[in-house]
Amino acid sequence: MTDLLGVIAASYGVLMAISPALQIRRMLQRRSSADVSLSYLLVLEVGFALWIAYGVALPNLALIVPNAVAVSVGLATILVARHFRSGGPAHAPAPPVDSARDV
């Protein structure tokens, strides 16, 4: 039963770990990272790294795998956010969304 719970928890942990991809998608759509807190993301990254270290010390893959995924996606989120803050090529305003199509 404990092994099953570990697999379920780790699987859900991976799902949670990839959820920042939604933030990446939003930044790409808006071509801005102004509403993203880099400090918050960095605090999360430190926490994920600590959980990985703890999982390695146990050793426990149910802790290592989801947190390793979270670190990767978190770093990608930080890189995308920094790209837009450094005046990347997509710094131009996003094209307007046309709600009524001209026919």
PDB file of N, CA and C in Angstrom:
ATOM      1  N   MET A   1       0.822  -1.197   0.000  1.00  0.00           N
ATOM      2  CA  MET A   1       0.000   0.000   0.000  1.00  0.00           C
ATOM      3  C   MET A   1       0.869   1.265   0.000  1.00  0.00           C
ATOM      4  N   THR A   2       1.963   1.229   0.744  1.00  0.00           N
ATOM      5  CA  THR A   2       2.862   2.376   0.808  1.00  0.00           C
ATOM      6  C   THR A   2       3.497   2.645  -0.552  1.00  0.00           C
ATOM      7  N   ASP A   3       3.885   1.566  -1.259  1.00  0.00           N
ATOM      8  CA  ASP A   3       4.479   1.741  -2.584  1.00  0.00           C
ATOM      9  C   ASP A   3       3.479   2.368  -3.558  1.00  0.00           C
ATOM     10  N   LEU A   4       2.231   1.924  -3.500  1.00  0.00           N
ATOM     11  CA  LEU A   4       1.200   2.476  -4.369  1.00  0.00           C
ATOM     12  C   LEU A   4       0.989   3.953  -4.077  1.00  0.00           C
ATOM     13  N   LEU A   5       0.942   4.302  -2.813  1.00  0.00           N
ATOM     14  CA  LEU A   5       0.780   5.704  -2.431  1.00  0.00           C
ATOM     15  C   LEU A   5       1.966   6.540  -2.924  1.00  0.00           C
ATOM     16  N   GLY A   6       3.157   5.973  -2.860  1.00  0.00           N
ATOM     17  CA  GLY A   6       4.347   6.664  -3.358  1.00  0.00           C
ATOM     18  C   GLY A   6       4.265   6.934  -4.846  1.00  0.00           C
ATOM     19  N   VAL A   7       3.797   5.947  -5.607  1.00  0.00           N
ATOM     20  CA  VAL A   7       3.658   6.105  -7.062  1.00  0.00           C
ATOM     21  C   VAL A   7       2.603   7.162  -7.377  1.00  0.00           C
ATOM     22  N   ILE A   8       1.475   7.118  -6.666  1.00  0.00           N
ATOM     23  CA  ILE A   8       0.415   8.100  -6.900  1.00  0.00           C
ATOM     24  C   ILE A   8       0.909   9.501  -6.543  1.00  0.00           C
ATOM     25  N   ALA A   9       1.554   9.628  -5.403  1.00  0.00           N
ATOM     26  CA  ALA A   9       2.055  10.939  -4.971  1.00  0.00           C
ATOM     27  C   ALA A   9       3.112  11.471  -5.940  1.00  0.00           C
ATOM     28  N   ALA A  10       4.013  10.613  -6.375  1.00  0.00           N
ATOM     29  CA  ALA A  10       5.055  11.041  -7.311  1.00  0.00           C
ATOM     30  C   ALA A  10       4.447  11.438  -8.654  1.00  0.00           C
ATOM     31  N   SER A  11       3.447  10.695  -9.112  1.00  0.00           N
ATOM     32  CA  SER A  11       2.788  11.023 -10.382  1.00  0.00           C
ATOM     33  C   SER A  11       2.101  12.379 -10.299  1.00  0.00           C
ATOM     34  N   TYR A  12       1.393  12.619  -9.210  1.00  0.00           N
ATOM     35  CA  TYR A  12       0.742  13.909  -9.043  1.00  0.00           C
ATOM     36  C   TYR A  12       1.786  15.011  -8.870  1.00  0.00           C
ATOM     37  N   GLY A  13       2.892  14.685  -8.226  1.00  0.00           N
ATOM     38  CA  GLY A  13       3.981  15.642  -8.064  1.00  0.00           C
ATOM     39  C   GLY A  13       4.547  16.076  -9.403  1.00  0.00           C
ATOM     40  N   VAL A  14       4.671  15.146 -10.336  1.00  0.00           N
ATOM     41  CA  VAL A  14       5.154  15.488 -11.685  1.00  0.00           C
ATOM     42  C   VAL A  14       4.139  16.399 -12.377  1.00  0.00           C
ATOM     43  N   LEU A  15       2.845  16.099 -12.210  1.00  0.00           N
ATOM     44  CA  LEU A  15       1.810  16.953 -12.790  1.00  0.00           C
ATOM     45  C   LEU A  15       1.909  18.364 -12.215  1.00  0.00           C
ATOM     46  N   MET A  16       2.093  18.472 -10.912  1.00  0.00           N
ATOM     47  CA  MET A  16       2.263  19.782 -10.284  1.00  0.00           C
ATOM     48  C   MET A  16       3.537  20.459 -10.787  1.00  0.00           C
ATOM     49  N   ALA A  17       4.572  19.665 -11.014  1.00  0.00           N
ATOM     50  CA  ALA A  17       5.860  20.210 -11.432  1.00  0.00           C
ATOM     51  C   ALA A  17       5.808  20.827 -12.820  1.00  0.00           C
ATOM     52  N   ILE A  18       4.958  20.295 -13.687  1.00  0.00           N
ATOM     53  CA  ILE A  18       4.881  20.851 -15.043  1.00  0.00           C
ATOM     54  C   ILE A  18       3.871  21.991 -15.145  1.00  0.00           C
ATOM     55  N   SER A  19       3.144  22.259 -14.066  1.00  0.00           N
ATOM     56  CA  SER A  19       2.138  23.324 -14.115  1.00  0.00           C
ATOM     57  C   SER A  19       2.711  24.714 -14.409  1.00  0.00           C
ATOM     58  N   PRO A  20       3.969  25.032 -14.049  1.00  0.00           N
ATOM     59  CA  PRO A  20       4.495  26.342 -14.454  1.00  0.00           C
ATOM     60  C   PRO A  20       4.567  26.527 -15.968  1.00  0.00           C
ATOM     61  N   ALA A  21       4.426  25.453 -16.719  1.00  0.00           N
ATOM     62  CA  ALA A  21       4.380  25.592 -18.177  1.00  0.00           C
ATOM     63  C   ALA A  21       3.205  26.473 -18.590  1.00  0.00           C
ATOM     64  N   LEU A  22       2.155  26.501 -17.772  1.00  0.00           N
ATOM     65  CA  LEU A  22       1.026  27.394 -18.042  1.00  0.00           C
ATOM     66  C   LEU A  22       1.462  28.856 -17.950  1.00  0.00           C
ATOM     67  N   GLN A  23       2.351  29.144 -17.004  1.00  0.00           N
ATOM     68  CA  GLN A  23       2.878  30.507 -16.865  1.00  0.00           C
ATOM     69  C   GLN A  23       3.764  30.852 -18.053  1.00  0.00           C
ATOM     70  N   ILE A  24       4.545  29.887 -18.505  1.00  0.00           N
ATOM     71  CA  ILE A  24       5.382  30.109 -19.690  1.00  0.00           C
ATOM     72  C   ILE A  24       4.492  30.425 -20.890  1.00  0.00           C
ATOM     73  N   ARG A  25       3.432  29.652 -21.050  1.00  0.00           N
ATOM     74  CA  ARG A  25       2.514  29.882 -22.170  1.00  0.00           C
ATOM     75  C   ARG A  25       1.929  31.291 -22.102  1.00  0.00           C
ATOM     76  N   ARG A  26       1.551  31.724 -20.902  1.00  0.00           N
ATOM     77  CA  ARG A  26       0.980  33.067 -20.739  1.00  0.00           C
ATOM     78  C   ARG A  26       2.007  34.148 -21.086  1.00  0.00           C
ATOM     79  N   MET A  27       3.242  33.963 -20.642  1.00  0.00           N
ATOM     80  CA  MET A  27       4.283  34.945 -20.969  1.00  0.00           C
ATOM     81  C   MET A  27       4.500  35.022 -22.470  1.00  0.00           C
ATOM     82  N   LEU A  28       4.500  33.890 -23.136  1.00  0.00           N
ATOM     83  CA  LEU A  28       4.699  33.874 -24.582  1.00  0.00           C
ATOM     84  C   LEU A  28       3.529  34.535 -25.304  1.00  0.00           C
ATOM     85  N   GLN A  29       2.309  34.295 -24.829  1.00  0.00           N
ATOM     86  CA  GLN A  29       1.144  34.917 -25.448  1.00  0.00           C
ATOM     87  C   GLN A  29       1.156  36.427 -25.264  1.00  0.00           C
ATOM     88  N   ARG A  30       1.483  36.873 -24.056  1.00  0.00           N
ATOM     89  CA  ARG A  30       1.451  38.302 -23.742  1.00  0.00           C
ATOM     90  C   ARG A  30       2.748  39.006 -24.134  1.00  0.00           C
ATOM     91  N   ARG A  31       3.777  38.223 -24.405  1.00  0.00           N
ATOM     92  CA  ARG A  31       5.106  38.754 -24.715  1.00  0.00           C
ATOM     93  C   ARG A  31       5.614  39.650 -23.589  1.00  0.00           C
ATOM     94  N   SER A  32       5.305  39.220 -22.373  1.00  0.00           N
ATOM     95  CA  SER A  32       5.710  39.985 -21.201  1.00  0.00           C
ATOM     96  C   SER A  32       5.799  39.058 -19.993  1.00  0.00           C
ATOM     97  N   SER A  33       6.722  39.393 -19.103  1.00  0.00           N
ATOM     98  CA  SER A  33       6.824  38.670 -17.837  1.00  0.00           C
ATOM     99  C   SER A  33       6.670  39.633 -16.665  1.00  0.00           C
ATOM    100  N   ALA A  34       6.047  40.767 -16.932  1.00  0.00           N
ATOM    101  CA  ALA A  34       5.923  41.806 -15.911  1.00  0.00           C
ATOM    102  C   ALA A  34       5.151  41.341 -14.685  1.00  0.00           C
ATOM    103  N   ASP A  35       4.188  40.424 -14.877  1.00  0.00           N
ATOM    104  CA  ASP A  35       3.386  39.982 -13.747  1.00  0.00           C
ATOM    105  C   ASP A  35       3.913  38.699 -13.098  1.00  0.00           C
ATOM    106  N   VAL A  36       5.157  38.341 -13.387  1.00  0.00           N
ATOM    107  CA  VAL A  36       5.775  37.145 -12.818  1.00  0.00           C
ATOM    108  C   VAL A  36       6.821  37.557 -11.795  1.00  0.00           C
ATOM    109  N   SER A  37       6.744  36.965 -10.606  1.00  0.00           N
ATOM    110  CA  SER A  37       7.705  37.268  -9.543  1.00  0.00           C
ATOM    111  C   SER A  37       8.905  36.312  -9.645  1.00  0.00           C
ATOM    112  N   LEU A  38      10.048  36.865 -10.039  1.00  0.00           N
ATOM    113  CA  LEU A  38      11.263  36.050 -10.110  1.00  0.00           C
ATOM    114  C   LEU A  38      11.718  35.616  -8.718  1.00  0.00           C
ATOM    115  N   SER A  39      11.511  36.459  -7.722  1.00  0.00           N
ATOM    116  CA  SER A  39      11.894  36.105  -6.351  1.00  0.00           C
ATOM    117  C   SER A  39      11.125  34.876  -5.879  1.00  0.00           C
ATOM    118  N   TYR A  40       9.840  34.843  -6.159  1.00  0.00           N
ATOM    119  CA  TYR A  40       9.006  33.700  -5.802  1.00  0.00           C
ATOM    120  C   TYR A  40       9.522  32.431  -6.477  1.00  0.00           C
ATOM    121  N   LEU A  41       9.824  32.536  -7.756  1.00  0.00           N
ATOM    122  CA  LEU A  41      10.315  31.369  -8.485  1.00  0.00           C
ATOM    123  C   LEU A  41      11.656  30.888  -7.932  1.00  0.00           C
ATOM    124  N   LEU A  42      12.519  31.813  -7.555  1.00  0.00           N
ATOM    125  CA  LEU A  42      13.818  31.422  -6.992  1.00  0.00           C
ATOM    126  C   LEU A  42      13.666  30.735  -5.638  1.00  0.00           C
ATOM    127  N   VAL A  43      12.734  31.211  -4.816  1.00  0.00           N
ATOM    128  CA  VAL A  43      12.472  30.558  -3.527  1.00  0.00           C
ATOM    129  C   VAL A  43      11.990  29.124  -3.764  1.00  0.00           C
ATOM    130  N   LEU A  44      11.105  28.952  -4.735  1.00  0.00           N
ATOM    131  CA  LEU A  44      10.632  27.603  -5.067  1.00  0.00           C
ATOM    132  C   LEU A  44      11.777  26.712  -5.527  1.00  0.00           C
ATOM    133  N   GLU A  45      12.660  27.248  -6.362  1.00  0.00           N
ATOM    134  CA  GLU A  45      13.785  26.454  -6.873  1.00  0.00           C
ATOM    135  C   GLU A  45      14.666  25.934  -5.732  1.00  0.00           C
ATOM    136  N   VAL A  46      14.932  26.786  -4.748  1.00  0.00           N
ATOM    137  CA  VAL A  46      15.735  26.363  -3.597  1.00  0.00           C
ATOM    138  C   VAL A  46      15.016  25.240  -2.855  1.00  0.00           C
ATOM    139  N   GLY A  47      13.721  25.388  -2.657  1.00  0.00           N
ATOM    140  CA  GLY A  47      12.941  24.344  -1.989  1.00  0.00           C
ATOM    141  C   GLY A  47      12.968  23.031  -2.748  1.00  0.00           C
ATOM    142  N   PHE A  48      12.805  23.084  -4.067  1.00  0.00           N
ATOM    143  CA  PHE A  48      12.860  21.867  -4.881  1.00  0.00           C
ATOM    144  C   PHE A  48      14.226  21.207  -4.769  1.00  0.00           C
ATOM    145  N   ALA A  49      15.288  21.998  -4.792  1.00  0.00           N
ATOM    146  CA  ALA A  49      16.645  21.452  -4.672  1.00  0.00           C
ATOM    147  C   ALA A  49      16.838  20.767  -3.319  1.00  0.00           C
ATOM    148  N   LEU A  50      16.291  21.364  -2.276  1.00  0.00           N
ATOM    149  CA  LEU A  50      16.395  20.738  -0.945  1.00  0.00           C
ATOM    150  C   LEU A  50      15.637  19.417  -0.893  1.00  0.00           C
ATOM    151  N   TRP A  51      14.465  19.360  -1.508  1.00  0.00           N
ATOM    152  CA  TRP A  51      13.707  18.102  -1.539  1.00  0.00           C
ATOM    153  C   TRP A  51      14.444  17.035  -2.350  1.00  0.00           C
ATOM    154  N   ILE A  52      15.116  17.447  -3.417  1.00  0.00           N
ATOM    155  CA  ILE A  52      15.921  16.488  -4.192  1.00  0.00           C
ATOM    156  C   ILE A  52      17.042  15.936  -3.314  1.00  0.00           C
ATOM    157  N   ALA A  53      17.733  16.815  -2.611  1.00  0.00           N
ATOM    158  CA  ALA A  53      18.823  16.376  -1.729  1.00  0.00           C
ATOM    159  C   ALA A  53      18.305  15.415  -0.664  1.00  0.00           C
ATOM    160  N   TYR A  54      17.153  15.722  -0.105  1.00  0.00           N
ATOM    161  CA  TYR A  54      16.556  14.849   0.898  1.00  0.00           C
ATOM    162  C   TYR A  54      16.192  13.499   0.288  1.00  0.00           C
ATOM    163  N   GLY A  55      15.617  13.512  -0.921  1.00  0.00           N
ATOM    164  CA  GLY A  55      15.265  12.275  -1.614  1.00  0.00           C
ATOM    165  C   GLY A  55      16.488  11.433  -1.939  1.00  0.00           C
ATOM    166  N   VAL A  56      17.582  12.076  -2.299  1.00  0.00           N
ATOM    167  CA  VAL A  56      18.830  11.359  -2.580  1.00  0.00           C
ATOM    168  C   VAL A  56      19.374  10.745  -1.290  1.00  0.00           C
ATOM    169  N   ALA A  57      19.286  11.487  -0.189  1.00  0.00           N
ATOM    170  CA  ALA A  57      19.797  11.002   1.089  1.00  0.00           C
ATOM    171  C   ALA A  57      19.012   9.792   1.588  1.00  0.00           C
ATOM    172  N   LEU A  58      17.736   9.676   1.250  1.00  0.00           N
ATOM    173  CA  LEU A  58      16.922   8.573   1.791  1.00  0.00           C
ATOM    174  C   LEU A  58      17.259   7.186   1.234  1.00  0.00           C
ATOM    175  N   PRO A  59      17.465   6.844   0.090  1.00  0.00           N
ATOM    176  CA  PRO A  59      17.104   7.315  -1.243  1.00  0.00           C
ATOM    177  C   PRO A  59      15.623   7.026  -1.532  1.00  0.00           C
ATOM    178  N   ASN A  60      14.945   7.998  -2.171  1.00  0.00           N
ATOM    179  CA  ASN A  60      13.514   7.887  -2.414  1.00  0.00           C
ATOM    180  C   ASN A  60      13.178   8.566  -3.746  1.00  0.00           C
ATOM    181  N   LEU A  61      12.909   7.738  -4.746  1.00  0.00           N
ATOM    182  CA  LEU A  61      12.600   8.270  -6.081  1.00  0.00           C
ATOM    183  C   LEU A  61      11.300   9.066  -6.100  1.00  0.00           C
ATOM    184  N   ALA A  62      10.378   8.747  -5.183  1.00  0.00           N
ATOM    185  CA  ALA A  62       9.111   9.489  -5.132  1.00  0.00           C
ATOM    186  C   ALA A  62       9.345  10.957  -4.760  1.00  0.00           C
ATOM    187  N   LEU A  63      10.458  11.259  -4.130  1.00  0.00           N
ATOM    188  CA  LEU A  63      10.822  12.647  -3.837  1.00  0.00           C
ATOM    189  C   LEU A  63      11.724  13.229  -4.918  1.00  0.00           C
ATOM    190  N   ILE A  64      12.614  12.411  -5.431  1.00  0.00           N
ATOM    191  CA  ILE A  64      13.602  12.897  -6.392  1.00  0.00           C
ATOM    192  C   ILE A  64      12.968  13.282  -7.732  1.00  0.00           C
ATOM    193  N   VAL A  65      12.180  12.374  -8.309  1.00  0.00           N
ATOM    194  CA  VAL A  65      11.670  12.571  -9.673  1.00  0.00           C
ATOM    195  C   VAL A  65      10.793  13.819  -9.809  1.00  0.00           C
ATOM    196  N   PRO A  66       9.723  13.951  -9.001  1.00  0.00           N
ATOM    197  CA  PRO A  66       8.886  15.141  -9.215  1.00  0.00           C
ATOM    198  C   PRO A  66       9.621  16.454  -8.955  1.00  0.00           C
ATOM    199  N   ASN A  67      10.521  16.455  -7.998  1.00  0.00           N
ATOM    200  CA  ASN A  67      11.245  17.687  -7.702  1.00  0.00           C
ATOM    201  C   ASN A  67      12.294  17.991  -8.755  1.00  0.00           C
ATOM    202  N   ALA A  68      12.867  16.970  -9.367  1.00  0.00           N
ATOM    203  CA  ALA A  68      13.797  17.197 -10.476  1.00  0.00           C
ATOM    204  C   ALA A  68      13.053  17.793 -11.672  1.00  0.00           C
ATOM    205  N   VAL A  69      11.847  17.293 -11.932  1.00  0.00           N
ATOM    206  CA  VAL A  69      11.029  17.864 -13.006  1.00  0.00           C
ATOM    207  C   VAL A  69      10.682  19.316 -12.668  1.00  0.00           C
ATOM    208  N   ALA A  70      10.314  19.559 -11.409  1.00  0.00           N
ATOM    209  CA  ALA A  70       9.952  20.915 -10.978  1.00  0.00           C
ATOM    210  C   ALA A  70      11.123  21.885 -11.142  1.00  0.00           C
ATOM    211  N   VAL A  71      12.330  21.438 -10.817  1.00  0.00           N
ATOM    212  CA  VAL A  71      13.510  22.299 -10.986  1.00  0.00           C
ATOM    213  C   VAL A  71      13.691  22.642 -12.464  1.00  0.00           C
ATOM    214  N   SER A  72      13.545  21.655 -13.321  1.00  0.00           N
ATOM    215  CA  SER A  72      13.730  21.881 -14.759  1.00  0.00           C
ATOM    216  C   SER A  72      12.706  22.859 -15.317  1.00  0.00           C
ATOM    217  N   VAL A  73      11.440  22.629 -15.001  1.00  0.00           N
ATOM    218  CA  VAL A  73      10.388  23.508 -15.513  1.00  0.00           C
ATOM    219  C   VAL A  73      10.514  24.898 -14.876  1.00  0.00           C
ATOM    220  N   GLY A  74      10.875  24.929 -13.605  1.00  0.00           N
ATOM    221  CA  GLY A  74      11.064  26.216 -12.927  1.00  0.00           C
ATOM    222  C   GLY A  74      12.184  27.029 -13.547  1.00  0.00           C
ATOM    223  N   LEU A  75      13.284  26.361 -13.875  1.00  0.00           N
ATOM    224  CA  LEU A  75      14.390  27.059 -14.532  1.00  0.00           C
ATOM    225  C   LEU A  75      13.982  27.577 -15.906  1.00  0.00           C
ATOM    226  N   ALA A  76      13.203  26.774 -16.625  1.00  0.00           N
ATOM    227  CA  ALA A  76      12.711  27.225 -17.927  1.00  0.00           C
ATOM    228  C   ALA A  76      11.821  28.457 -17.758  1.00  0.00           C
ATOM    229  N   THR A  77      10.992  28.459 -16.727  1.00  0.00           N
ATOM    230  CA  THR A  77      10.112  29.604 -16.465  1.00  0.00           C
ATOM    231  C   THR A  77      10.937  30.855 -16.161  1.00  0.00           C
ATOM    232  N   ILE A  78      11.968  30.683 -15.357  1.00  0.00           N
ATOM    233  CA  ILE A  78      12.842  31.814 -15.018  1.00  0.00           C
ATOM    234  C   ILE A  78      13.550  32.336 -16.259  1.00  0.00           C
ATOM    235  N   LEU A  79      14.036  31.437 -17.100  1.00  0.00           N
ATOM    236  CA  LEU A  79      14.729  31.859 -18.322  1.00  0.00           C
ATOM    237  C   LEU A  79      13.808  32.626 -19.263  1.00  0.00           C
ATOM    238  N   VAL A  80      12.581  32.146 -19.420  1.00  0.00           N
ATOM    239  CA  VAL A  80      11.628  32.846 -20.288  1.00  0.00           C
ATOM    240  C   VAL A  80      11.307  34.218 -19.702  1.00  0.00           C
ATOM    241  N   ALA A  81      11.090  34.270 -18.393  1.00  0.00           N
ATOM    242  CA  ALA A  81      10.785  35.553 -17.740  1.00  0.00           C
ATOM    243  C   ALA A  81      11.946  36.536 -17.898  1.00  0.00           C
ATOM    244  N   ARG A  82      13.152  36.058 -17.701  1.00  0.00           N
ATOM    245  CA  ARG A  82      14.323  36.943 -17.850  1.00  0.00           C
ATOM    246  C   ARG A  82      14.499  37.388 -19.294  1.00  0.00           C
ATOM    247  N   HIS A  83      14.180  36.515 -20.229  1.00  0.00           N
ATOM    248  CA  HIS A  83      14.277  36.869 -21.650  1.00  0.00           C
ATOM    249  C   HIS A  83      13.402  38.082 -21.948  1.00  0.00           C
ATOM    250  N   PHE A  84      12.170  38.058 -21.477  1.00  0.00           N
ATOM    251  CA  PHE A  84      11.263  39.167 -21.752  1.00  0.00           C
ATOM    252  C   PHE A  84      11.652  40.419 -20.971  1.00  0.00           C
ATOM    253  N   ARG A  85      12.290  40.251 -19.829  1.00  0.00           N
ATOM    254  CA  ARG A  85      12.707  41.426 -19.056  1.00  0.00           C
ATOM    255  C   ARG A  85      13.966  42.052 -19.624  1.00  0.00           C
ATOM    256  N   SER A  86      14.721  41.289 -20.387  1.00  0.00           N
ATOM    257  CA  SER A  86      15.949  41.842 -20.959  1.00  0.00           C
ATOM    258  C   SER A  86      15.696  42.502 -22.308  1.00  0.00           C
ATOM    259  N   GLY A  87      14.442  42.642 -22.656  1.00  0.00           N
ATOM    260  CA  GLY A  87      14.114  43.299 -23.923  1.00  0.00           C
ATOM    261  C   GLY A  87      14.303  42.388 -25.102  1.00  0.00           C
ATOM    262  N   GLY A  88      13.917  41.124 -24.954  1.00  0.00           N
ATOM    263  CA  GLY A  88      14.033  40.154 -26.032  1.00  0.00           C
ATOM    264  C   GLY A  88      13.260  40.589 -27.265  1.00  0.00           C
ATOM    265  N   PRO A  89      13.420  39.875 -28.370  1.00  0.00           N
ATOM    266  CA  PRO A  89      12.811  40.276 -29.636  1.00  0.00           C
ATOM    267  C   PRO A  89      11.296  40.350 -29.582  1.00  0.00           C
ATOM    268  N   ALA A  90      10.693  39.670 -28.653  1.00  0.00           N
ATOM    269  CA  ALA A  90       9.231  39.674 -28.565  1.00  0.00           C
ATOM    270  C   ALA A  90       8.740  40.781 -27.650  1.00  0.00           C
ATOM    271  N   HIS A  91       9.541  41.805 -27.467  1.00  0.00           N
ATOM    272  CA  HIS A  91       9.181  42.899 -26.572  1.00  0.00           C
ATOM    273  C   HIS A  91       8.131  43.816 -27.186  1.00  0.00           C
ATOM    274  N   ALA A  92       7.854  43.610 -28.459  1.00  0.00           N
ATOM    275  CA  ALA A  92       6.820  44.402 -29.126  1.00  0.00           C
ATOM    276  C   ALA A  92       5.451  44.009 -28.579  1.00  0.00           C
ATOM    277  N   PRO A  93       4.486  44.895 -28.637  1.00  0.00           N
ATOM    278  CA  PRO A  93       3.166  44.558 -28.123  1.00  0.00           C
ATOM    279  C   PRO A  93       2.549  43.400 -28.887  1.00  0.00           C
ATOM    280  N   ALA A  94       1.773  42.606 -28.174  1.00  0.00           N
ATOM    281  CA  ALA A  94       1.105  41.462 -28.788  1.00  0.00           C
ATOM    282  C   ALA A  94       0.042  41.961 -29.754  1.00  0.00           C
ATOM    283  N   PRO A  95      -0.174  41.219 -30.828  1.00  0.00           N
ATOM    284  CA  PRO A  95      -1.214  41.644 -31.766  1.00  0.00           C
ATOM    285  C   PRO A  95      -2.574  41.549 -31.092  1.00  0.00           C
ATOM    286  N   PRO A  96      -3.499  42.443 -31.430  1.00  0.00           N
ATOM    287  CA  PRO A  96      -4.815  42.406 -30.802  1.00  0.00           C
ATOM    288  C   PRO A  96      -5.579  41.159 -31.212  1.00  0.00           C
ATOM    289  N   VAL A  97      -6.397  40.682 -30.300  1.00  0.00           N
ATOM    290  CA  VAL A  97      -7.246  39.528 -30.581  1.00  0.00           C
ATOM    291  C   VAL A  97      -8.525  40.041 -31.201  1.00  0.00           C
ATOM    292  N   ASP A  98      -8.829  39.572 -32.391  1.00  0.00           N
ATOM    293  CA  ASP A  98     -10.016  40.025 -33.096  1.00  0.00           C
ATOM    294  C   ASP A  98     -11.193  39.145 -32.702  1.00  0.00           C
ATOM    295  N   SER A  99     -12.105  39.692 -31.915  1.00  0.00           N
ATOM    296  CA  SER A  99     -13.244  38.909 -31.447  1.00  0.00           C
ATOM    297  C   SER A  99     -14.355  38.818 -32.480  1.00  0.00           C
ATOM    298  N   ALA A 100     -14.396  39.778 -33.377  1.00  0.00           N
ATOM    299  CA  ALA A 100     -15.410  39.755 -34.444  1.00  0.00           C
ATOM    300  C   ALA A 100     -14.689  39.716 -35.777  1.00  0.00           C
ATOM    301  N   ARG A 101     -14.902  38.645 -36.491  1.00  0.00           N
ATOM    302  CA  ARG A 101     -14.208  38.503 -37.767  1.00  0.00           C
ATOM    303  C   ARG A 101     -14.964  39.255 -38.851  1.00  0.00           C
ATOM    304  N   ASP A 102     -14.213  39.937 -39.683  1.00  0.00           N
ATOM    305  CA  ASP A 102     -14.810  40.641 -40.826  1.00  0.00           C
ATOM    306  C   ASP A 102     -14.976  39.651 -41.955  1.00  0.00           C
ATOM    307  N   VAL A 103     -16.177  39.538 -42.438  1.00  0.00           N
ATOM    308  CA  VAL A 103     -16.442  38.591 -43.519  1.00  0.00           C
ATOM    309  C   VAL A 103     -16.831  39.321 -44.766  1.00  0.00           C
TER     310      VAL A 103
END
